[in-house]
Each structure stands twice: as C-alpha cells, then as structure tokens.
Amino acid sequence: MSVRLYIGNLPQSFESKELETQLAGVGEGIRFKAVLDRETGGCRGFGFANIDDEKVADAVIEQFNGREFNGNSLRVERSERRESNTGGGRRGNNAGNSNSPTAARKSVNKVVHSDAPSEEAPDPRWAGELSKLKDLLDNQKTPA
C-alpha cells in the first residue's frame, strides 16, 4: 500500500521536476504532484507525494522536513485520508480545549485530504442558480 505525504511551504514559482529529482535521490517509487491554482496555474504552496515503500516515506520525511528549498523551509508529513468530505478547513476546531477528542490527533500533525467528491450538498458556486431553478419548477403548473 502506498503512503501519501503532504509537502508544504513550496515556493509559488518552482520547477516540479527539480523537487522530483531530489525526492528520487532518496529512493524508488516516488511520485510528486503539486497542487496548482486554477486561475493562475501557479503552485498553491503545497503538493502530495505518493510513495510505494513505507521505509522510503520515512526517509523522505526525515531528509526533507525542515529542509530549505528555493528559499523556503519545507514541511513534510504523512497525509491522512478523510472518510467523507465534511467541508471544514479549520472552522470550529477546539485548539484551546485539551479535553476535546481531536486534541490528541492535532498533536500528530497529519494533513487530511479526500479524493472523493461530496454528494451530500450541491457545489456552493451553483447554489444560487440551483435555488432559482427549483423556484421555477415549483411555479410551473402542469396541464390538467
């Protein structure tokens, strides 16, 4: 099973191939993909590396976490898959509450992501249009 690593604090303008070459120096089976901005096409400052071997993943974390790359100190850690897309970001976290059940997880410094699209709620960019369409359909009268 492959291990997925979060690689953060990347410079906005960098060559992905340069980082891939450095990662390949650690071991085989490392695939890196930077997360790009839709509008500008530039790096959003982070990406993910999929690594086939657990030991190689540990070596990548050991060698690259805190290492300087094009003027930035990289942040490399394991990424944890989310079961469902619950929205979120950092809204409503209990960072100051050490009695919360998530306080122990936060100290592990894992990044949560999901590849699965959420089917629970419509895309918020289209919510207004969807509401108008529902109103139009409700106002239509069916012929008798």
N, C-alpha and C. Protein backbone atom coordinates (compact mmCIF):
# COMPACT_ATOMS: atom_id res chain seq x y z
N MET A 1 0.84 -1.18 0.00
CA MET A 1 0.00 0.00 0.00
C MET A 1 0.89 1.24 0.00
N SER A 2 0.54 2.21 -0.79
CA SER A 2 1.38 3.40 -0.89
C SER A 2 1.08 4.37 0.25
N VAL A 3 2.08 5.16 0.57
CA VAL A 3 1.99 6.18 1.61
C VAL A 3 1.88 7.52 0.90
N ARG A 4 1.00 8.37 1.39
CA ARG A 4 0.84 9.70 0.80
C ARG A 4 1.39 10.73 1.78
N LEU A 5 2.29 11.57 1.27
CA LEU A 5 2.90 12.61 2.09
C LEU A 5 2.46 13.99 1.62
N TYR A 6 2.22 14.87 2.57
CA TYR A 6 1.95 16.28 2.29
C TYR A 6 3.30 16.99 2.27
N ILE A 7 3.53 17.78 1.23
CA ILE A 7 4.75 18.58 1.15
C ILE A 7 4.30 20.03 1.02
N GLY A 8 4.53 20.80 2.08
CA GLY A 8 4.04 22.17 2.13
C GLY A 8 5.15 23.19 2.18
N ASN A 9 4.73 24.45 2.12
CA ASN A 9 5.62 25.61 2.12
C ASN A 9 6.51 25.64 0.88
N LEU A 10 5.92 25.22 -0.24
CA LEU A 10 6.64 25.27 -1.51
C LEU A 10 6.60 26.68 -2.06
N PRO A 11 7.64 27.12 -2.75
CA PRO A 11 7.60 28.43 -3.39
C PRO A 11 6.54 28.44 -4.50
N GLN A 12 5.93 29.59 -4.74
CA GLN A 12 4.88 29.65 -5.76
C GLN A 12 5.44 29.44 -7.16
N SER A 13 6.67 29.83 -7.38
CA SER A 13 7.27 29.58 -8.69
C SER A 13 8.47 28.66 -8.50
N PHE A 14 8.29 27.40 -8.82
CA PHE A 14 9.38 26.44 -8.75
C PHE A 14 9.15 25.38 -9.80
N GLU A 15 10.20 24.68 -10.13
CA GLU A 15 10.12 23.61 -11.11
C GLU A 15 9.82 22.30 -10.38
N SER A 16 8.70 21.70 -10.71
CA SER A 16 8.29 20.44 -10.10
C SER A 16 9.33 19.36 -10.34
N LYS A 17 9.94 19.38 -11.52
CA LYS A 17 10.96 18.37 -11.87
C LYS A 17 12.17 18.44 -10.94
N GLU A 18 12.51 19.66 -10.49
CA GLU A 18 13.64 19.82 -9.60
C GLU A 18 13.39 19.11 -8.27
N LEU A 19 12.19 19.28 -7.72
CA LEU A 19 11.85 18.60 -6.47
C LEU A 19 11.74 17.09 -6.68
N GLU A 20 11.15 16.67 -7.80
CA GLU A 20 11.04 15.25 -8.10
C GLU A 20 12.42 14.59 -8.18
N THR A 21 13.39 15.29 -8.77
CA THR A 21 14.75 14.76 -8.86
C THR A 21 15.36 14.59 -7.47
N GLN A 22 15.15 15.57 -6.60
CA GLN A 22 15.68 15.47 -5.24
C GLN A 22 15.00 14.34 -4.48
N LEU A 23 13.69 14.19 -4.65
CA LEU A 23 12.96 13.10 -3.98
C LEU A 23 13.43 11.74 -4.48
N ALA A 24 13.69 11.65 -5.79
CA ALA A 24 14.14 10.37 -6.37
C ALA A 24 15.50 9.96 -5.81
N GLY A 25 16.27 10.89 -5.32
CA GLY A 25 17.56 10.58 -4.72
C GLY A 25 17.42 9.79 -3.42
N VAL A 26 16.24 9.82 -2.81
CA VAL A 26 16.00 9.10 -1.56
C VAL A 26 15.70 7.63 -1.84
N GLY A 27 14.92 7.38 -2.90
CA GLY A 27 14.54 6.01 -3.21
C GLY A 27 13.65 5.93 -4.42
N GLU A 28 13.28 4.71 -4.77
CA GLU A 28 12.43 4.46 -5.94
C GLU A 28 10.95 4.54 -5.58
N GLY A 29 10.12 4.71 -6.59
CA GLY A 29 8.67 4.67 -6.41
C GLY A 29 8.08 5.91 -5.78
N ILE A 30 8.65 7.08 -6.05
CA ILE A 30 8.13 8.34 -5.50
C ILE A 30 7.52 9.14 -6.64
N ARG A 31 6.23 9.48 -6.49
CA ARG A 31 5.53 10.30 -7.48
C ARG A 31 5.03 11.56 -6.77
N PHE A 32 5.38 12.74 -7.32
CA PHE A 32 5.00 14.01 -6.70
C PHE A 32 4.09 14.79 -7.63
N LYS A 33 3.08 15.44 -7.04
CA LYS A 33 2.19 16.30 -7.81
C LYS A 33 1.90 17.55 -6.98
N ALA A 34 2.27 18.71 -7.56
CA ALA A 34 1.99 19.98 -6.90
C ALA A 34 0.53 20.36 -7.14
N VAL A 35 -0.09 21.01 -6.16
CA VAL A 35 -1.45 21.49 -6.31
C VAL A 35 -1.37 22.89 -6.91
N LEU A 36 -2.02 23.06 -8.07
CA LEU A 36 -1.92 24.31 -8.82
C LEU A 36 -3.19 25.14 -8.67
N ASP A 37 -3.03 26.45 -8.75
CA ASP A 37 -4.15 27.38 -8.72
C ASP A 37 -4.88 27.30 -10.06
N ARG A 38 -6.19 27.23 -10.02
CA ARG A 38 -6.99 27.11 -11.26
C ARG A 38 -6.85 28.34 -12.16
N GLU A 39 -6.79 29.50 -11.54
CA GLU A 39 -6.78 30.73 -12.33
C GLU A 39 -5.39 31.08 -12.86
N THR A 40 -4.38 31.02 -12.00
CA THR A 40 -3.05 31.47 -12.40
C THR A 40 -2.17 30.33 -12.92
N GLY A 41 -2.49 29.11 -12.55
CA GLY A 41 -1.66 27.98 -12.95
C GLY A 41 -0.40 27.84 -12.12
N GLY A 42 -0.20 28.73 -11.16
CA GLY A 42 0.97 28.66 -10.28
C GLY A 42 0.73 27.72 -9.12
N CYS A 43 1.78 27.31 -8.48
CA CYS A 43 1.69 26.41 -7.33
C CYS A 43 0.98 27.11 -6.17
N ARG A 44 0.10 26.39 -5.49
CA ARG A 44 -0.61 26.94 -4.33
C ARG A 44 0.20 26.82 -3.05
N GLY A 45 1.43 26.31 -3.16
CA GLY A 45 2.30 26.25 -1.99
C GLY A 45 2.40 24.88 -1.36
N PHE A 46 1.72 23.89 -1.95
CA PHE A 46 1.82 22.55 -1.41
C PHE A 46 1.56 21.52 -2.50
N GLY A 47 1.84 20.28 -2.16
CA GLY A 47 1.61 19.17 -3.09
C GLY A 47 1.63 17.87 -2.32
N PHE A 48 1.47 16.76 -3.04
CA PHE A 48 1.45 15.45 -2.41
C PHE A 48 2.40 14.51 -3.13
N ALA A 49 3.05 13.68 -2.35
CA ALA A 49 3.94 12.66 -2.89
C ALA A 49 3.37 11.29 -2.52
N ASN A 50 3.21 10.43 -3.50
CA ASN A 50 2.81 9.05 -3.26
C ASN A 50 4.06 8.19 -3.33
N ILE A 51 4.25 7.39 -2.29
CA ILE A 51 5.47 6.60 -2.17
C ILE A 51 5.07 5.15 -1.94
N ASP A 52 5.68 4.23 -2.70
CA ASP A 52 5.31 2.82 -2.64
C ASP A 52 5.80 2.13 -1.37
N ASP A 53 6.92 2.55 -0.82
CA ASP A 53 7.54 1.85 0.30
C ASP A 53 7.49 2.69 1.57
N GLU A 54 7.05 2.09 2.66
CA GLU A 54 6.93 2.76 3.95
C GLU A 54 8.27 3.30 4.44
N LYS A 55 9.34 2.54 4.26
CA LYS A 55 10.68 2.96 4.72
C LYS A 55 11.19 4.15 3.92
N VAL A 56 10.89 4.17 2.63
CA VAL A 56 11.30 5.31 1.80
C VAL A 56 10.52 6.55 2.23
N ALA A 57 9.23 6.37 2.55
CA ALA A 57 8.42 7.51 3.02
C ALA A 57 9.01 8.10 4.30
N ASP A 58 9.40 7.23 5.23
CA ASP A 58 10.02 7.72 6.47
C ASP A 58 11.33 8.46 6.17
N ALA A 59 12.10 7.95 5.20
CA ALA A 59 13.36 8.59 4.83
C ALA A 59 13.11 9.96 4.21
N VAL A 60 12.05 10.09 3.40
CA VAL A 60 11.72 11.38 2.78
C VAL A 60 11.36 12.39 3.87
N ILE A 61 10.55 11.97 4.84
CA ILE A 61 10.17 12.87 5.93
C ILE A 61 11.43 13.30 6.69
N GLU A 62 12.26 12.34 7.00
CA GLU A 62 13.50 12.60 7.75
C GLU A 62 14.40 13.60 7.02
N GLN A 63 14.56 13.43 5.71
CA GLN A 63 15.51 14.25 4.96
C GLN A 63 14.95 15.60 4.53
N PHE A 64 13.65 15.67 4.27
CA PHE A 64 13.10 16.89 3.67
C PHE A 64 12.33 17.79 4.63
N ASN A 65 11.84 17.27 5.75
CA ASN A 65 11.08 18.11 6.67
C ASN A 65 12.02 19.14 7.30
N GLY A 66 11.73 20.41 7.07
CA GLY A 66 12.56 21.50 7.58
C GLY A 66 13.70 21.90 6.66
N ARG A 67 13.89 21.16 5.58
CA ARG A 67 14.98 21.45 4.63
C ARG A 67 14.63 22.66 3.77
N GLU A 68 15.63 23.48 3.48
CA GLU A 68 15.40 24.66 2.65
C GLU A 68 15.32 24.26 1.18
N PHE A 69 14.30 24.79 0.50
CA PHE A 69 14.11 24.53 -0.92
C PHE A 69 13.71 25.85 -1.57
N ASN A 70 14.58 26.38 -2.41
CA ASN A 70 14.36 27.66 -3.11
C ASN A 70 13.94 28.78 -2.15
N GLY A 71 14.59 28.84 -1.00
CA GLY A 71 14.34 29.92 -0.06
C GLY A 71 13.25 29.63 0.96
N ASN A 72 12.55 28.52 0.87
CA ASN A 72 11.50 28.17 1.82
C ASN A 72 11.88 26.92 2.59
N SER A 73 11.49 26.86 3.85
CA SER A 73 11.72 25.68 4.68
C SER A 73 10.54 24.72 4.48
N LEU A 74 10.79 23.56 3.88
CA LEU A 74 9.72 22.61 3.55
C LEU A 74 9.07 22.01 4.80
N ARG A 75 7.81 21.67 4.66
CA ARG A 75 7.07 20.95 5.70
C ARG A 75 6.61 19.64 5.08
N VAL A 76 7.11 18.52 5.59
CA VAL A 76 6.80 17.21 5.03
C VAL A 76 6.24 16.34 6.15
N GLU A 77 5.05 15.79 5.92
CA GLU A 77 4.42 14.92 6.92
C GLU A 77 3.43 13.98 6.24
N ARG A 78 3.05 12.96 6.97
CA ARG A 78 2.08 12.00 6.44
C ARG A 78 0.73 12.66 6.26
N SER A 79 0.04 12.26 5.22
CA SER A 79 -1.29 12.77 4.94
C SER A 79 -2.27 11.66 5.26
N GLU A 80 -3.38 12.03 5.88
CA GLU A 80 -4.38 11.04 6.27
C GLU A 80 -5.63 11.25 5.42
N ARG A 81 -6.15 10.17 4.88
CA ARG A 81 -7.36 10.28 4.06
C ARG A 81 -8.57 10.52 4.95
N ARG A 82 -9.44 11.39 4.49
CA ARG A 82 -10.69 11.67 5.17
C ARG A 82 -11.73 10.67 4.71
N GLU A 83 -12.60 10.24 5.59
CA GLU A 83 -13.65 9.29 5.22
C GLU A 83 -14.69 9.96 4.33
N SER A 84 -15.08 11.18 4.66
CA SER A 84 -16.05 11.89 3.82
C SER A 84 -15.67 13.36 3.79
N ASN A 85 -16.16 14.05 2.79
CA ASN A 85 -15.86 15.47 2.64
C ASN A 85 -16.83 16.25 3.52
N THR A 86 -16.39 16.57 4.72
CA THR A 86 -17.25 17.28 5.66
C THR A 86 -17.02 18.77 5.61
N GLY A 87 -16.37 19.26 4.57
CA GLY A 87 -16.09 20.68 4.47
C GLY A 87 -15.00 21.02 5.45
N GLY A 88 -15.08 22.13 6.07
CA GLY A 88 -14.25 22.30 7.24
C GLY A 88 -13.12 23.26 7.17
N GLY A 89 -12.00 22.82 6.70
CA GLY A 89 -10.82 23.62 6.89
C GLY A 89 -10.53 23.66 8.38
N ARG A 90 -10.39 24.84 8.94
CA ARG A 90 -10.10 24.95 10.38
C ARG A 90 -11.27 25.57 11.13
N ARG A 91 -12.45 25.60 10.54
CA ARG A 91 -13.60 26.18 11.24
C ARG A 91 -13.97 25.30 12.43
N GLY A 92 -14.25 25.93 13.54
CA GLY A 92 -14.80 25.23 14.69
C GLY A 92 -13.84 24.26 15.36
N ASN A 93 -12.56 24.41 15.17
CA ASN A 93 -11.66 23.48 15.85
C ASN A 93 -11.53 23.88 17.31
N ASN A 94 -11.15 22.94 18.13
CA ASN A 94 -11.04 23.18 19.56
C ASN A 94 -9.58 23.21 19.96
N ALA A 95 -8.80 24.07 19.33
CA ALA A 95 -7.36 24.10 19.57
C ALA A 95 -7.05 24.44 21.02
N GLY A 96 -7.86 25.25 21.66
CA GLY A 96 -7.60 25.62 23.04
C GLY A 96 -8.16 24.64 24.04
N ASN A 97 -8.93 23.67 23.61
CA ASN A 97 -9.58 22.73 24.51
C ASN A 97 -8.83 21.41 24.50
N SER A 98 -8.01 21.16 25.52
CA SER A 98 -7.21 19.94 25.53
C SER A 98 -8.04 18.72 25.89
N ASN A 99 -9.29 18.90 26.34
CA ASN A 99 -10.15 17.77 26.66
C ASN A 99 -10.91 17.25 25.46
N SER A 100 -10.82 17.94 24.34
CA SER A 100 -11.57 17.51 23.16
C SER A 100 -10.96 16.23 22.59
N PRO A 101 -11.79 15.38 21.95
CA PRO A 101 -11.28 14.13 21.40
C PRO A 101 -10.30 14.33 20.26
N THR A 102 -10.34 15.48 19.61
CA THR A 102 -9.43 15.71 18.48
C THR A 102 -8.11 16.33 18.92
N ALA A 103 -7.97 16.69 20.20
CA ALA A 103 -6.74 17.34 20.65
C ALA A 103 -5.53 16.43 20.47
N ALA A 104 -5.69 15.15 20.73
CA ALA A 104 -4.58 14.21 20.57
C ALA A 104 -4.20 14.08 19.11
N ARG A 105 -5.15 14.07 18.21
CA ARG A 105 -4.87 13.94 16.78
C ARG A 105 -4.13 15.16 16.26
N LYS A 106 -4.47 16.33 16.75
CA LYS A 106 -3.84 17.54 16.24
C LYS A 106 -2.35 17.57 16.56
N SER A 107 -1.95 16.95 17.66
CA SER A 107 -0.54 16.95 18.03
C SER A 107 0.29 16.05 17.12
N VAL A 108 -0.35 15.18 16.34
CA VAL A 108 0.36 14.28 15.44
C VAL A 108 0.78 15.00 14.16
N ASN A 109 0.18 16.15 13.86
CA ASN A 109 0.49 16.95 12.68
C ASN A 109 0.23 16.21 11.38
N LYS A 110 -0.95 15.63 11.24
CA LYS A 110 -1.33 14.98 10.00
C LYS A 110 -2.20 15.94 9.18
N VAL A 111 -2.12 15.80 7.87
CA VAL A 111 -2.93 16.60 6.97
C VAL A 111 -4.00 15.68 6.40
N VAL A 112 -5.24 16.15 6.40
CA VAL A 112 -6.36 15.33 5.96
C VAL A 112 -6.79 15.77 4.57
N HIS A 113 -7.03 14.81 3.69
CA HIS A 113 -7.49 15.11 2.34
C HIS A 113 -8.45 14.03 1.87
N SER A 114 -9.16 14.30 0.81
CA SER A 114 -10.07 13.31 0.25
C SER A 114 -10.09 13.45 -1.26
N ASP A 115 -10.06 12.31 -1.94
CA ASP A 115 -10.18 12.33 -3.39
C ASP A 115 -11.63 12.20 -3.83
N ALA A 116 -12.51 11.81 -2.92
CA ALA A 116 -13.92 11.56 -3.26
C ALA A 116 -14.71 12.87 -3.26
N PRO A 117 -15.53 13.09 -4.30
CA PRO A 117 -16.37 14.28 -4.30
C PRO A 117 -17.52 14.12 -3.31
N SER A 118 -17.94 15.20 -2.73
CA SER A 118 -19.05 15.16 -1.79
C SER A 118 -20.36 15.14 -2.56
N GLU A 119 -21.22 14.20 -2.20
CA GLU A 119 -22.53 14.13 -2.85
C GLU A 119 -23.62 14.60 -1.91
N GLU A 120 -23.24 15.07 -0.72
CA GLU A 120 -24.20 15.47 0.28
C GLU A 120 -24.82 16.84 -0.02
N ALA A 121 -24.05 17.75 -0.56
CA ALA A 121 -24.52 19.10 -0.79
C ALA A 121 -24.10 19.55 -2.18
N PRO A 122 -24.90 20.43 -2.81
CA PRO A 122 -24.50 20.93 -4.13
C PRO A 122 -23.27 21.81 -4.03
N ASP A 123 -22.60 21.97 -5.14
CA ASP A 123 -21.44 22.85 -5.22
C ASP A 123 -21.89 24.26 -4.82
N PRO A 124 -21.25 24.88 -3.84
CA PRO A 124 -21.71 26.19 -3.37
C PRO A 124 -21.64 27.27 -4.44
N ARG A 125 -20.81 27.07 -5.46
CA ARG A 125 -20.73 28.06 -6.54
C ARG A 125 -22.02 28.10 -7.35
N TRP A 126 -22.79 27.00 -7.32
CA TRP A 126 -24.01 26.91 -8.11
C TRP A 126 -25.26 26.92 -7.24
N ALA A 127 -25.13 27.10 -5.94
CA ALA A 127 -26.26 27.02 -5.03
C ALA A 127 -27.33 28.06 -5.38
N GLY A 128 -26.93 29.27 -5.72
CA GLY A 128 -27.91 30.31 -6.09
C GLY A 128 -28.67 29.95 -7.35
N GLU A 129 -27.97 29.44 -8.35
CA GLU A 129 -28.63 29.05 -9.60
C GLU A 129 -29.56 27.86 -9.37
N LEU A 130 -29.14 26.93 -8.52
CA LEU A 130 -29.96 25.76 -8.22
C LEU A 130 -31.24 26.18 -7.51
N SER A 131 -31.13 27.15 -6.62
CA SER A 131 -32.30 27.66 -5.91
C SER A 131 -33.29 28.30 -6.88
N LYS A 132 -32.79 29.10 -7.82
CA LYS A 132 -33.66 29.73 -8.81
C LYS A 132 -34.36 28.69 -9.67
N LEU A 133 -33.64 27.66 -10.06
CA LEU A 133 -34.21 26.59 -10.88
C LEU A 133 -35.31 25.86 -10.12
N LYS A 134 -35.09 25.59 -8.85
CA LYS A 134 -36.11 24.92 -8.04
C LYS A 134 -37.36 25.79 -7.94
N ASP A 135 -37.19 27.11 -7.75
CA ASP A 135 -38.33 28.02 -7.69
C ASP A 135 -39.10 28.03 -9.01
N LEU A 136 -38.38 28.03 -10.14
CA LEU A 136 -39.05 27.99 -11.44
C LEU A 136 -39.87 26.71 -11.61
N LEU A 137 -39.30 25.60 -11.21
CA LEU A 137 -40.02 24.33 -11.32
C LEU A 137 -41.23 24.28 -10.41
N ASP A 138 -41.12 24.84 -9.21
CA ASP A 138 -42.25 24.85 -8.28
C ASP A 138 -43.39 25.72 -8.81
N ASN A 139 -43.04 26.80 -9.53
CA ASN A 139 -44.06 27.73 -10.02
C ASN A 139 -44.74 27.27 -11.30
N GLN A 140 -44.18 26.27 -11.96
CA GLN A 140 -44.80 25.77 -13.18
C GLN A 140 -46.05 24.98 -12.84
N LYS A 141 -47.03 25.12 -13.70
CA LYS A 141 -48.28 24.36 -13.49
C LYS A 141 -48.34 23.29 -14.55
N THR A 142 -48.69 22.10 -14.12
CA THR A 142 -48.82 21.02 -15.09
C THR A 142 -50.20 21.06 -15.72
N PRO A 143 -50.26 20.76 -17.05
CA PRO A 143 -51.56 20.79 -17.71
C PRO A 143 -52.46 19.66 -17.18
N ALA A 144 -53.75 20.00 -17.04
CA ALA A 144 -54.71 19.04 -16.47
C ALA A 144 -55.25 18.07 -17.48
